[in-house]
Each structure stands twice: as C-alpha cells, then as structure tokens.
Amino acid sequence: MARVLVNVVGVMVLYTLVSNVVTWAMGVNQTVVYSAEQGLMPKMFAKVSAKTGMPTTASWANAWMGTATMGAYLVMVNVTGNEDPFWNVFSLGAIGLLASYVMMFPAFLKLRLTDTDAKRGYTIPGGTLMAIYCSVVPTLVLIGGLVFFFWAPGVGMDMEYFYTVGTGLLLAVIGGEVLIWKANKEHQEAVPAE
C-alpha cells in the first residue's frame, strides 16, 4: 500500500512540475512577443500563429534553448563526472530568476526619485524613506540569495558547481546581450535618417 501511495504522490508531483513549467513557458513566450513588438527583442520573436494566436518563434527558441541547456549539462556530466545535472540546471534557472530581479528594485527607486511627475498605477505610502527601504531591503535579500547559491557559510565552496552553473549564467547573459544588440540594430535601421 505504501508503494502505491508513493507512486501516486510521485505522479502528482511530476504533473505539478510539468503543468507549472508549461504555464511559465507560455508566460515567458508571450512576454518575448510583446518585447519584440515594442522593439526590445529582435522582430523574428514577434511571430504569432494565425490559427491559435500563440507565439511561434519564441516557443521554438524556448524549446531549443532548454534542450541545448540540458544537452550541454549532460556533456558536462560525461566530461567532469558530476552527476547532478538536474540540480545544476535547477540552480541555474533559480539564479537567473533572482538575478533578473536584482535591478528592478533600484530601477523603481531611481524612477521614483527622478521621474516624480509621472502618473503611476500604485503608490507606496511613507514617502521617500519608505521607497528607499522597499528598494534596498529586497535588493540585499536577492543579492544574499545569489551569494548563498554558490557559498554556504562554514562549508568550502564547491568550485566545480561554481564553474558549471556560473558558465551557464554567463552564457545566458551573453545571449541576452546579443539579442538586445540585434534589437537595437533593427530599431536603428528602421528609423529613417534625419
């Protein structure tokens, strides 16, 4: 009976993971389409299926990048002997998610201090001091979370993990910068010369 219960719970956990991954991927793909329509990503990512209204190029790029990431980690397993590709990829995703938020809170504070006349859909009571608090504290927590992904106090740093996950993060940042460069180039070519 216990074995059946374990199998049922395992299937439920896998179903939850897969359904969450699908919805997150759909949200990411829609965001990529919107960004491409606004000129913040290359135009090729703005393509949407006429039949379903779902992103096409963004979905394919997402799928191929995920497959390439897993393939790269499997190669690393064979080369380095590290048998934790799932946790490394999981860590890479979590670190990328945390890192993407690190600049959001300082950006909020900068806009709050420099663009005071803009109408906003929300306000934080407490004035400038509360805005500083609401920006600095989460930023420090995020940075701390990023540090503790790589280093645990009282434990030596696992350099193999650092290089593996750090390389994945570096490649993701470089890839993002290449996409931004391409989007800027397309935007400059589309703007008529004065």
N, C-alpha and C. Protein backbone atom coordinates (compact mmCIF):
# COMPACT_ATOMS: atom_id res chain seq x y z
N MET A 1 0.82 -1.21 0.00
CA MET A 1 0.00 0.00 0.00
C MET A 1 0.87 1.27 0.00
N ALA A 2 1.94 1.22 0.80
CA ALA A 2 2.82 2.39 0.88
C ALA A 2 3.47 2.67 -0.48
N ARG A 3 3.84 1.60 -1.19
CA ARG A 3 4.46 1.77 -2.50
C ARG A 3 3.50 2.43 -3.48
N VAL A 4 2.22 2.04 -3.43
CA VAL A 4 1.20 2.65 -4.30
C VAL A 4 1.05 4.13 -3.97
N LEU A 5 1.02 4.45 -2.67
CA LEU A 5 0.89 5.85 -2.24
C LEU A 5 2.08 6.68 -2.72
N VAL A 6 3.29 6.12 -2.60
CA VAL A 6 4.49 6.82 -3.06
C VAL A 6 4.41 7.06 -4.56
N ASN A 7 3.98 6.07 -5.33
CA ASN A 7 3.85 6.23 -6.78
C ASN A 7 2.81 7.28 -7.13
N VAL A 8 1.67 7.29 -6.44
CA VAL A 8 0.62 8.28 -6.69
C VAL A 8 1.14 9.69 -6.39
N VAL A 9 1.81 9.87 -5.25
CA VAL A 9 2.36 11.18 -4.89
C VAL A 9 3.42 11.58 -5.92
N GLY A 10 4.27 10.64 -6.35
CA GLY A 10 5.28 10.94 -7.36
C GLY A 10 4.67 11.42 -8.66
N VAL A 11 3.61 10.75 -9.11
CA VAL A 11 2.92 11.17 -10.34
C VAL A 11 2.31 12.56 -10.15
N MET A 12 1.73 12.82 -8.98
CA MET A 12 1.14 14.14 -8.73
C MET A 12 2.20 15.24 -8.74
N VAL A 13 3.36 14.94 -8.14
CA VAL A 13 4.46 15.92 -8.13
C VAL A 13 4.93 16.19 -9.55
N LEU A 14 5.13 15.13 -10.33
CA LEU A 14 5.56 15.31 -11.73
C LEU A 14 4.52 16.10 -12.52
N TYR A 15 3.24 15.80 -12.33
CA TYR A 15 2.18 16.54 -13.01
C TYR A 15 2.24 18.02 -12.63
N THR A 16 2.44 18.30 -11.35
CA THR A 16 2.53 19.69 -10.89
C THR A 16 3.73 20.39 -11.53
N LEU A 17 4.88 19.72 -11.54
CA LEU A 17 6.07 20.32 -12.14
C LEU A 17 5.86 20.62 -13.63
N VAL A 18 5.35 19.64 -14.36
CA VAL A 18 5.15 19.82 -15.80
C VAL A 18 4.13 20.92 -16.06
N SER A 19 3.02 20.93 -15.33
CA SER A 19 1.99 21.95 -15.58
C SER A 19 2.52 23.34 -15.24
N ASN A 20 3.35 23.46 -14.20
CA ASN A 20 3.93 24.76 -13.87
C ASN A 20 4.93 25.20 -14.93
N VAL A 21 5.74 24.27 -15.42
CA VAL A 21 6.71 24.61 -16.46
C VAL A 21 6.00 25.10 -17.72
N VAL A 22 4.90 24.44 -18.08
CA VAL A 22 4.16 24.82 -19.28
C VAL A 22 3.59 26.23 -19.13
N THR A 23 2.97 26.53 -17.99
CA THR A 23 2.38 27.87 -17.81
C THR A 23 3.45 28.94 -17.73
N TRP A 24 4.58 28.66 -17.07
CA TRP A 24 5.66 29.63 -17.03
C TRP A 24 6.21 29.87 -18.43
N ALA A 25 6.38 28.80 -19.20
CA ALA A 25 6.90 28.94 -20.57
C ALA A 25 5.94 29.77 -21.41
N MET A 26 4.63 29.54 -21.26
CA MET A 26 3.65 30.32 -22.02
C MET A 26 3.74 31.80 -21.66
N GLY A 27 3.90 32.09 -20.38
CA GLY A 27 4.04 33.49 -19.96
C GLY A 27 5.30 34.13 -20.50
N VAL A 28 6.40 33.39 -20.44
CA VAL A 28 7.67 33.90 -20.98
C VAL A 28 7.55 34.16 -22.47
N ASN A 29 6.95 33.22 -23.19
CA ASN A 29 6.81 33.38 -24.64
C ASN A 29 5.95 34.59 -24.99
N GLN A 30 4.87 34.80 -24.26
CA GLN A 30 4.02 35.99 -24.50
C GLN A 30 4.79 37.27 -24.22
N THR A 31 5.62 37.26 -23.18
CA THR A 31 6.43 38.44 -22.85
C THR A 31 7.45 38.71 -23.95
N VAL A 32 8.04 37.66 -24.48
CA VAL A 32 9.01 37.82 -25.57
C VAL A 32 8.33 38.42 -26.80
N VAL A 33 7.12 37.95 -27.13
CA VAL A 33 6.38 38.51 -28.27
C VAL A 33 6.12 39.99 -28.05
N TYR A 34 5.64 40.34 -26.86
CA TYR A 34 5.36 41.75 -26.56
C TYR A 34 6.64 42.59 -26.67
N SER A 35 7.74 42.06 -26.13
CA SER A 35 9.01 42.78 -26.20
C SER A 35 9.46 42.97 -27.64
N ALA A 36 9.27 41.95 -28.47
CA ALA A 36 9.64 42.06 -29.89
C ALA A 36 8.76 43.09 -30.60
N GLU A 37 7.48 43.12 -30.26
CA GLU A 37 6.58 44.12 -30.86
C GLU A 37 6.96 45.54 -30.46
N GLN A 38 7.54 45.69 -29.28
CA GLN A 38 7.95 47.02 -28.80
C GLN A 38 9.36 47.40 -29.23
N GLY A 39 10.05 46.49 -29.94
CA GLY A 39 11.40 46.76 -30.41
C GLY A 39 12.48 46.45 -29.39
N LEU A 40 12.14 45.75 -28.32
CA LEU A 40 13.11 45.41 -27.29
C LEU A 40 13.76 44.05 -27.49
N MET A 41 13.23 43.29 -28.43
CA MET A 41 13.79 41.99 -28.82
C MET A 41 13.79 41.98 -30.35
N PRO A 42 14.58 41.11 -30.96
CA PRO A 42 14.55 41.03 -32.42
C PRO A 42 13.14 40.75 -32.95
N LYS A 43 12.84 41.31 -34.12
CA LYS A 43 11.50 41.20 -34.71
C LYS A 43 11.05 39.77 -34.94
N MET A 44 12.00 38.88 -35.21
CA MET A 44 11.63 37.49 -35.50
C MET A 44 10.85 36.85 -34.36
N PHE A 45 11.00 37.36 -33.13
CA PHE A 45 10.29 36.79 -31.99
C PHE A 45 8.85 37.28 -31.88
N ALA A 46 8.43 38.19 -32.73
CA ALA A 46 7.07 38.71 -32.66
C ALA A 46 6.07 37.83 -33.39
N LYS A 47 6.53 36.79 -34.06
CA LYS A 47 5.63 35.93 -34.86
C LYS A 47 4.67 35.16 -33.97
N VAL A 48 3.41 35.16 -34.40
CA VAL A 48 2.33 34.50 -33.66
C VAL A 48 1.55 33.66 -34.65
N SER A 49 1.09 32.50 -34.23
CA SER A 49 0.30 31.62 -35.09
C SER A 49 -1.03 32.27 -35.43
N ALA A 50 -1.36 32.33 -36.72
CA ALA A 50 -2.65 32.90 -37.14
C ALA A 50 -3.81 32.04 -36.65
N LYS A 51 -3.58 30.76 -36.53
CA LYS A 51 -4.64 29.82 -36.13
C LYS A 51 -4.92 29.88 -34.62
N THR A 52 -3.87 29.85 -33.80
CA THR A 52 -4.05 29.74 -32.35
C THR A 52 -3.79 31.03 -31.59
N GLY A 53 -3.07 31.96 -32.21
CA GLY A 53 -2.72 33.20 -31.52
C GLY A 53 -1.57 33.02 -30.54
N MET A 54 -0.94 31.85 -30.58
CA MET A 54 0.17 31.57 -29.68
C MET A 54 1.50 31.92 -30.35
N PRO A 55 2.51 32.30 -29.54
CA PRO A 55 3.83 32.61 -30.09
C PRO A 55 4.43 31.40 -30.80
N THR A 56 5.08 31.64 -31.93
CA THR A 56 5.70 30.53 -32.65
C THR A 56 7.23 30.56 -32.48
N THR A 57 7.86 31.62 -32.94
CA THR A 57 9.32 31.69 -32.87
C THR A 57 9.80 31.66 -31.43
N ALA A 58 9.13 32.39 -30.55
CA ALA A 58 9.53 32.41 -29.14
C ALA A 58 9.40 31.02 -28.52
N SER A 59 8.34 30.30 -28.88
CA SER A 59 8.15 28.95 -28.33
C SER A 59 9.24 28.01 -28.81
N TRP A 60 9.55 28.08 -30.10
CA TRP A 60 10.60 27.22 -30.63
C TRP A 60 11.95 27.57 -30.01
N ALA A 61 12.24 28.86 -29.89
CA ALA A 61 13.52 29.27 -29.30
C ALA A 61 13.61 28.79 -27.85
N ASN A 62 12.51 28.92 -27.11
CA ASN A 62 12.47 28.46 -25.72
C ASN A 62 12.74 26.96 -25.65
N ALA A 63 12.09 26.20 -26.52
CA ALA A 63 12.25 24.75 -26.52
C ALA A 63 13.68 24.35 -26.89
N TRP A 64 14.24 24.99 -27.92
CA TRP A 64 15.59 24.63 -28.35
C TRP A 64 16.63 25.04 -27.32
N MET A 65 16.43 26.19 -26.67
CA MET A 65 17.39 26.62 -25.65
C MET A 65 17.35 25.68 -24.45
N GLY A 66 16.16 25.25 -24.06
CA GLY A 66 16.06 24.29 -22.97
C GLY A 66 16.72 22.97 -23.31
N THR A 67 16.49 22.52 -24.53
CA THR A 67 17.11 21.27 -24.98
C THR A 67 18.62 21.41 -25.05
N ALA A 68 19.10 22.52 -25.57
CA ALA A 68 20.55 22.76 -25.66
C ALA A 68 21.17 22.84 -24.27
N THR A 69 20.49 23.48 -23.33
CA THR A 69 21.00 23.58 -21.96
C THR A 69 21.14 22.19 -21.33
N MET A 70 20.08 21.38 -21.47
CA MET A 70 20.16 20.03 -20.91
C MET A 70 21.23 19.21 -21.61
N GLY A 71 21.35 19.36 -22.93
CA GLY A 71 22.39 18.64 -23.66
C GLY A 71 23.77 19.04 -23.19
N ALA A 72 23.98 20.35 -22.99
CA ALA A 72 25.29 20.83 -22.53
C ALA A 72 25.60 20.27 -21.15
N TYR A 73 24.61 20.22 -20.28
CA TYR A 73 24.85 19.69 -18.95
C TYR A 73 25.12 18.19 -18.97
N LEU A 74 24.47 17.47 -19.88
CA LEU A 74 24.75 16.03 -19.99
C LEU A 74 26.18 15.79 -20.49
N VAL A 75 26.64 16.66 -21.41
CA VAL A 75 28.03 16.55 -21.86
C VAL A 75 28.97 16.82 -20.69
N MET A 76 28.64 17.85 -19.88
CA MET A 76 29.48 18.16 -18.72
C MET A 76 29.52 17.00 -17.74
N VAL A 77 28.40 16.30 -17.59
CA VAL A 77 28.37 15.14 -16.70
C VAL A 77 29.39 14.10 -17.17
N ASN A 78 29.41 13.86 -18.49
CA ASN A 78 30.34 12.87 -19.03
C ASN A 78 31.79 13.33 -18.92
N VAL A 79 32.02 14.64 -19.07
CA VAL A 79 33.39 15.16 -19.03
C VAL A 79 33.89 15.29 -17.59
N THR A 80 33.06 15.86 -16.72
CA THR A 80 33.52 16.16 -15.35
C THR A 80 33.19 15.07 -14.35
N GLY A 81 32.22 14.21 -14.68
CA GLY A 81 31.83 13.18 -13.73
C GLY A 81 30.79 13.67 -12.74
N ASN A 82 30.42 14.94 -12.82
CA ASN A 82 29.40 15.48 -11.92
C ASN A 82 28.05 14.87 -12.30
N GLU A 83 27.41 14.25 -11.34
CA GLU A 83 26.15 13.57 -11.62
C GLU A 83 24.94 14.34 -11.14
N ASP A 84 25.04 15.65 -11.03
CA ASP A 84 23.92 16.46 -10.55
C ASP A 84 23.40 17.43 -11.60
N PRO A 85 23.21 17.00 -12.84
CA PRO A 85 22.77 17.97 -13.86
C PRO A 85 21.41 18.58 -13.55
N PHE A 86 20.49 17.79 -12.99
CA PHE A 86 19.17 18.34 -12.69
C PHE A 86 19.29 19.50 -11.72
N TRP A 87 20.04 19.30 -10.63
CA TRP A 87 20.15 20.36 -9.63
C TRP A 87 20.95 21.54 -10.15
N ASN A 88 21.92 21.28 -11.02
CA ASN A 88 22.65 22.39 -11.61
C ASN A 88 21.75 23.23 -12.52
N VAL A 89 20.95 22.55 -13.34
CA VAL A 89 20.03 23.28 -14.22
C VAL A 89 18.96 23.99 -13.39
N PHE A 90 18.47 23.32 -12.35
CA PHE A 90 17.50 23.95 -11.44
C PHE A 90 18.11 25.21 -10.81
N SER A 91 19.35 25.08 -10.32
CA SER A 91 20.04 26.22 -9.73
C SER A 91 20.23 27.34 -10.74
N LEU A 92 20.62 26.97 -11.95
CA LEU A 92 20.82 27.97 -13.00
C LEU A 92 19.53 28.75 -13.25
N GLY A 93 18.40 28.04 -13.33
CA GLY A 93 17.12 28.71 -13.53
C GLY A 93 16.76 29.61 -12.36
N ALA A 94 16.96 29.12 -11.14
CA ALA A 94 16.64 29.93 -9.95
C ALA A 94 17.55 31.15 -9.85
N ILE A 95 18.84 30.96 -10.13
CA ILE A 95 19.79 32.08 -10.07
C ILE A 95 19.45 33.10 -11.15
N GLY A 96 19.13 32.64 -12.35
CA GLY A 96 18.73 33.56 -13.41
C GLY A 96 17.49 34.35 -13.03
N LEU A 97 16.53 33.68 -12.40
CA LEU A 97 15.31 34.36 -11.96
C LEU A 97 15.62 35.41 -10.91
N LEU A 98 16.42 35.05 -9.90
CA LEU A 98 16.79 36.02 -8.86
C LEU A 98 17.58 37.19 -9.46
N ALA A 99 18.54 36.86 -10.32
CA ALA A 99 19.39 37.90 -10.89
C ALA A 99 18.58 38.88 -11.73
N SER A 100 17.53 38.40 -12.38
CA SER A 100 16.73 39.30 -13.21
C SER A 100 15.97 40.33 -12.38
N TYR A 101 15.75 40.04 -11.11
CA TYR A 101 15.04 40.97 -10.23
C TYR A 101 15.96 41.94 -9.50
N VAL A 102 17.26 41.67 -9.49
CA VAL A 102 18.18 42.49 -8.70
C VAL A 102 18.11 43.97 -9.10
N MET A 103 17.97 44.26 -10.40
CA MET A 103 17.95 45.66 -10.83
C MET A 103 16.56 46.28 -10.81
N MET A 104 15.52 45.50 -10.60
CA MET A 104 14.16 46.05 -10.62
C MET A 104 13.91 47.01 -9.46
N PHE A 105 14.34 46.64 -8.28
CA PHE A 105 14.08 47.49 -7.12
C PHE A 105 14.87 48.80 -7.18
N PRO A 106 16.17 48.76 -7.53
CA PRO A 106 16.88 50.03 -7.72
C PRO A 106 16.27 50.88 -8.86
N ALA A 107 15.77 50.22 -9.91
CA ALA A 107 15.14 50.97 -11.01
C ALA A 107 13.88 51.67 -10.51
N PHE A 108 13.10 50.97 -9.67
CA PHE A 108 11.92 51.60 -9.07
C PHE A 108 12.32 52.85 -8.29
N LEU A 109 13.36 52.71 -7.48
CA LEU A 109 13.79 53.85 -6.65
C LEU A 109 14.29 55.00 -7.52
N LYS A 110 15.07 54.69 -8.55
CA LYS A 110 15.57 55.76 -9.43
C LYS A 110 14.41 56.50 -10.09
N LEU A 111 13.44 55.75 -10.62
CA LEU A 111 12.29 56.40 -11.26
C LEU A 111 11.48 57.20 -10.24
N ARG A 112 11.34 56.68 -9.05
CA ARG A 112 10.59 57.38 -8.00
C ARG A 112 11.26 58.70 -7.65
N LEU A 113 12.61 58.74 -7.67
CA LEU A 113 13.34 59.94 -7.29
C LEU A 113 13.53 60.92 -8.44
N THR A 114 13.65 60.42 -9.68
CA THR A 114 13.95 61.31 -10.80
C THR A 114 12.74 61.65 -11.66
N ASP A 115 11.76 60.78 -11.71
CA ASP A 115 10.58 60.99 -12.55
C ASP A 115 9.36 61.20 -11.66
N THR A 116 9.40 62.28 -10.90
CA THR A 116 8.38 62.50 -9.86
C THR A 116 7.02 62.89 -10.41
N ASP A 117 6.96 63.39 -11.64
CA ASP A 117 5.68 63.86 -12.19
C ASP A 117 4.87 62.76 -12.88
N ALA A 118 5.46 61.61 -13.08
CA ALA A 118 4.76 60.54 -13.80
C ALA A 118 3.59 60.01 -12.99
N LYS A 119 2.47 59.74 -13.70
CA LYS A 119 1.32 59.12 -13.04
C LYS A 119 1.57 57.63 -12.98
N ARG A 120 1.39 57.07 -11.80
CA ARG A 120 1.62 55.65 -11.61
C ARG A 120 0.35 54.98 -11.11
N GLY A 121 0.23 53.70 -11.43
CA GLY A 121 -0.95 52.96 -11.03
C GLY A 121 -0.92 52.50 -9.59
N TYR A 122 0.15 52.76 -8.89
CA TYR A 122 0.28 52.34 -7.50
C TYR A 122 1.14 53.35 -6.75
N THR A 123 1.00 53.39 -5.46
CA THR A 123 1.85 54.24 -4.63
C THR A 123 2.27 53.47 -3.40
N ILE A 124 3.42 53.83 -2.87
CA ILE A 124 3.89 53.26 -1.62
C ILE A 124 3.79 54.36 -0.58
N PRO A 125 2.96 54.17 0.43
CA PRO A 125 2.86 55.20 1.46
C PRO A 125 4.17 55.30 2.25
N GLY A 126 4.43 56.47 2.79
CA GLY A 126 5.62 56.64 3.61
C GLY A 126 6.69 57.51 2.97
N GLY A 127 6.44 57.96 1.77
CA GLY A 127 7.35 58.89 1.12
C GLY A 127 8.66 58.25 0.69
N THR A 128 9.67 59.11 0.56
CA THR A 128 10.96 58.70 0.03
C THR A 128 11.66 57.67 0.92
N LEU A 129 11.59 57.85 2.23
CA LEU A 129 12.25 56.90 3.13
C LEU A 129 11.69 55.49 2.98
N MET A 130 10.38 55.38 2.87
CA MET A 130 9.77 54.07 2.69
C MET A 130 10.14 53.49 1.32
N ALA A 131 10.21 54.35 0.30
CA ALA A 131 10.61 53.88 -1.03
C ALA A 131 12.04 53.35 -1.00
N ILE A 132 12.93 54.03 -0.30
CA ILE A 132 14.31 53.57 -0.17
C ILE A 132 14.34 52.22 0.55
N TYR A 133 13.60 52.13 1.65
CA TYR A 133 13.54 50.87 2.41
C TYR A 133 13.01 49.73 1.53
N CYS A 134 11.91 50.01 0.80
CA CYS A 134 11.28 48.98 -0.03
C CYS A 134 12.12 48.61 -1.25
N SER A 135 13.15 49.38 -1.53
CA SER A 135 14.05 49.07 -2.63
C SER A 135 15.32 48.39 -2.14
N VAL A 136 15.91 48.92 -1.07
CA VAL A 136 17.21 48.43 -0.60
C VAL A 136 17.08 47.04 0.03
N VAL A 137 16.09 46.84 0.88
CA VAL A 137 15.98 45.55 1.59
C VAL A 137 15.79 44.38 0.63
N PRO A 138 14.82 44.43 -0.32
CA PRO A 138 14.70 43.29 -1.23
C PRO A 138 15.94 43.09 -2.12
N THR A 139 16.60 44.18 -2.50
CA THR A 139 17.81 44.05 -3.31
C THR A 139 18.89 43.30 -2.54
N LEU A 140 19.07 43.64 -1.26
CA LEU A 140 20.06 42.95 -0.43
C LEU A 140 19.69 41.49 -0.22
N VAL A 141 18.40 41.21 -0.04
CA VAL A 141 17.96 39.82 0.11
C VAL A 141 18.24 39.02 -1.16
N LEU A 142 17.96 39.62 -2.32
CA LEU A 142 18.23 38.94 -3.59
C LEU A 142 19.72 38.68 -3.77
N ILE A 143 20.54 39.67 -3.50
CA ILE A 143 21.99 39.50 -3.63
C ILE A 143 22.48 38.43 -2.66
N GLY A 144 21.95 38.44 -1.43
CA GLY A 144 22.30 37.40 -0.47
C GLY A 144 21.90 36.02 -0.97
N GLY A 145 20.71 35.91 -1.54
CA GLY A 145 20.27 34.64 -2.10
C GLY A 145 21.19 34.15 -3.20
N LEU A 146 21.63 35.07 -4.05
CA LEU A 146 22.56 34.70 -5.13
C LEU A 146 23.89 34.21 -4.57
N VAL A 147 24.40 34.91 -3.55
CA VAL A 147 25.67 34.52 -2.94
C VAL A 147 25.54 33.13 -2.31
N PHE A 148 24.43 32.89 -1.59
CA PHE A 148 24.28 31.62 -0.89
C PHE A 148 23.96 30.45 -1.81
N PHE A 149 23.61 30.73 -3.06
CA PHE A 149 23.50 29.64 -4.03
C PHE A 149 24.88 29.05 -4.31
N PHE A 150 25.91 29.89 -4.22
CA PHE A 150 27.26 29.45 -4.55
C PHE A 150 28.11 29.11 -3.32
N TRP A 151 27.76 29.70 -2.17
CA TRP A 151 28.61 29.53 -0.98
C TRP A 151 27.74 29.36 0.25
N ALA A 152 28.02 28.33 1.00
CA ALA A 152 27.32 28.11 2.27
C ALA A 152 28.29 28.42 3.40
N PRO A 153 27.90 29.29 4.35
CA PRO A 153 28.82 29.62 5.46
C PRO A 153 29.26 28.36 6.20
N GLY A 154 30.54 28.28 6.48
CA GLY A 154 31.09 27.14 7.21
C GLY A 154 31.42 25.94 6.34
N VAL A 155 31.11 26.05 5.04
CA VAL A 155 31.38 24.94 4.12
C VAL A 155 32.25 25.48 3.00
N GLY A 156 33.22 24.72 2.60
CA GLY A 156 34.07 25.15 1.49
C GLY A 156 33.26 25.30 0.20
N MET A 157 33.65 26.24 -0.62
CA MET A 157 32.95 26.48 -1.87
C MET A 157 33.22 25.36 -2.86
N ASP A 158 32.16 24.85 -3.47
CA ASP A 158 32.28 23.79 -4.48
C ASP A 158 32.59 24.47 -5.82
N MET A 159 33.88 24.46 -6.18
CA MET A 159 34.31 25.19 -7.38
C MET A 159 33.77 24.56 -8.66
N GLU A 160 33.59 23.24 -8.68
CA GLU A 160 33.04 22.59 -9.86
C GLU A 160 31.61 23.09 -10.11
N TYR A 161 30.83 23.16 -9.04
CA TYR A 161 29.46 23.69 -9.13
C TYR A 161 29.49 25.15 -9.57
N PHE A 162 30.40 25.93 -8.98
CA PHE A 162 30.52 27.35 -9.31
C PHE A 162 30.83 27.53 -10.79
N TYR A 163 31.79 26.76 -11.31
CA TYR A 163 32.16 26.90 -12.72
C TYR A 163 31.04 26.41 -13.65
N THR A 164 30.40 25.32 -13.27
CA THR A 164 29.35 24.77 -14.12
C THR A 164 28.17 25.71 -14.21
N VAL A 165 27.63 26.10 -13.05
CA VAL A 165 26.46 26.97 -13.02
C VAL A 165 26.84 28.39 -13.46
N GLY A 166 28.02 28.84 -13.04
CA GLY A 166 28.48 30.18 -13.43
C GLY A 166 28.66 30.30 -14.93
N THR A 167 29.16 29.25 -15.57
CA THR A 167 29.31 29.26 -17.03
C THR A 167 27.95 29.34 -17.71
N GLY A 168 26.98 28.58 -17.20
CA GLY A 168 25.62 28.64 -17.76
C GLY A 168 25.03 30.03 -17.62
N LEU A 169 25.23 30.65 -16.46
CA LEU A 169 24.72 32.00 -16.23
C LEU A 169 25.41 33.01 -17.14
N LEU A 170 26.72 32.87 -17.29
CA LEU A 170 27.47 33.77 -18.18
C LEU A 170 26.99 33.64 -19.62
N LEU A 171 26.77 32.41 -20.08
CA LEU A 171 26.27 32.20 -21.44
C LEU A 171 24.88 32.81 -21.62
N ALA A 172 24.04 32.70 -20.59
CA ALA A 172 22.69 33.29 -20.66
C ALA A 172 22.78 34.81 -20.76
N VAL A 173 23.66 35.42 -19.98
CA VAL A 173 23.83 36.88 -20.02
C VAL A 173 24.36 37.31 -21.39
N ILE A 174 25.35 36.61 -21.90
CA ILE A 174 25.91 36.95 -23.22
C ILE A 174 24.84 36.80 -24.30
N GLY A 175 24.07 35.71 -24.24
CA GLY A 175 22.98 35.53 -25.20
C GLY A 175 21.96 36.65 -25.14
N GLY A 176 21.61 37.08 -23.93
CA GLY A 176 20.68 38.20 -23.78
C GLY A 176 21.23 39.48 -24.36
N GLU A 177 22.51 39.73 -24.13
CA GLU A 177 23.14 40.95 -24.66
C GLU A 177 23.17 40.92 -26.19
N VAL A 178 23.40 39.75 -26.77
CA VAL A 178 23.39 39.62 -28.23
C VAL A 178 21.99 39.93 -28.77
N LEU A 179 20.95 39.43 -28.11
CA LEU A 179 19.58 39.72 -28.55
C LEU A 179 19.26 41.21 -28.43
N ILE A 180 19.71 41.84 -27.36
CA ILE A 180 19.49 43.29 -27.19
C ILE A 180 20.22 44.06 -28.28
N TRP A 181 21.47 43.66 -28.58
CA TRP A 181 22.24 44.31 -29.64
C TRP A 181 21.51 44.20 -30.98
N LYS A 182 21.00 42.99 -31.28
CA LYS A 182 20.28 42.77 -32.54
C LYS A 182 19.01 43.62 -32.60
N ALA A 183 18.28 43.70 -31.50
CA ALA A 183 17.05 44.51 -31.46
C ALA A 183 17.38 45.99 -31.67
N ASN A 184 18.44 46.47 -31.03
CA ASN A 184 18.84 47.87 -31.21
C ASN A 184 19.25 48.15 -32.65
N LYS A 185 19.96 47.20 -33.27
CA LYS A 185 20.39 47.36 -34.65
C LYS A 185 19.17 47.42 -35.58
N GLU A 186 18.19 46.52 -35.37
CA GLU A 186 16.97 46.54 -36.18
C GLU A 186 16.22 47.85 -36.00
N HIS A 187 16.19 48.35 -34.77
CA HIS A 187 15.48 49.61 -34.49
C HIS A 187 16.17 50.77 -35.20
N GLN A 188 17.49 50.81 -35.17
CA GLN A 188 18.24 51.88 -35.82
C GLN A 188 18.05 51.84 -37.33
N GLU A 189 17.98 50.63 -37.90
CA GLU A 189 17.78 50.51 -39.34
C GLU A 189 16.36 50.91 -39.75
N ALA A 190 15.39 50.73 -38.85
CA ALA A 190 14.00 51.05 -39.15
C ALA A 190 13.72 52.55 -39.03
N VAL A 191 14.49 53.25 -38.22
CA VAL A 191 14.28 54.70 -38.03
C VAL A 191 14.90 55.43 -39.22
N PRO A 192 14.10 56.23 -39.93
CA PRO A 192 14.65 56.96 -41.08
C PRO A 192 15.68 58.00 -40.64
N ALA A 193 16.73 58.15 -41.43
CA ALA A 193 17.77 59.15 -41.12
C ALA A 193 17.21 60.54 -41.32
N GLU A 194 17.57 61.44 -40.41
CA GLU A 194 17.07 62.83 -40.50
C GLU A 194 17.98 63.69 -41.34
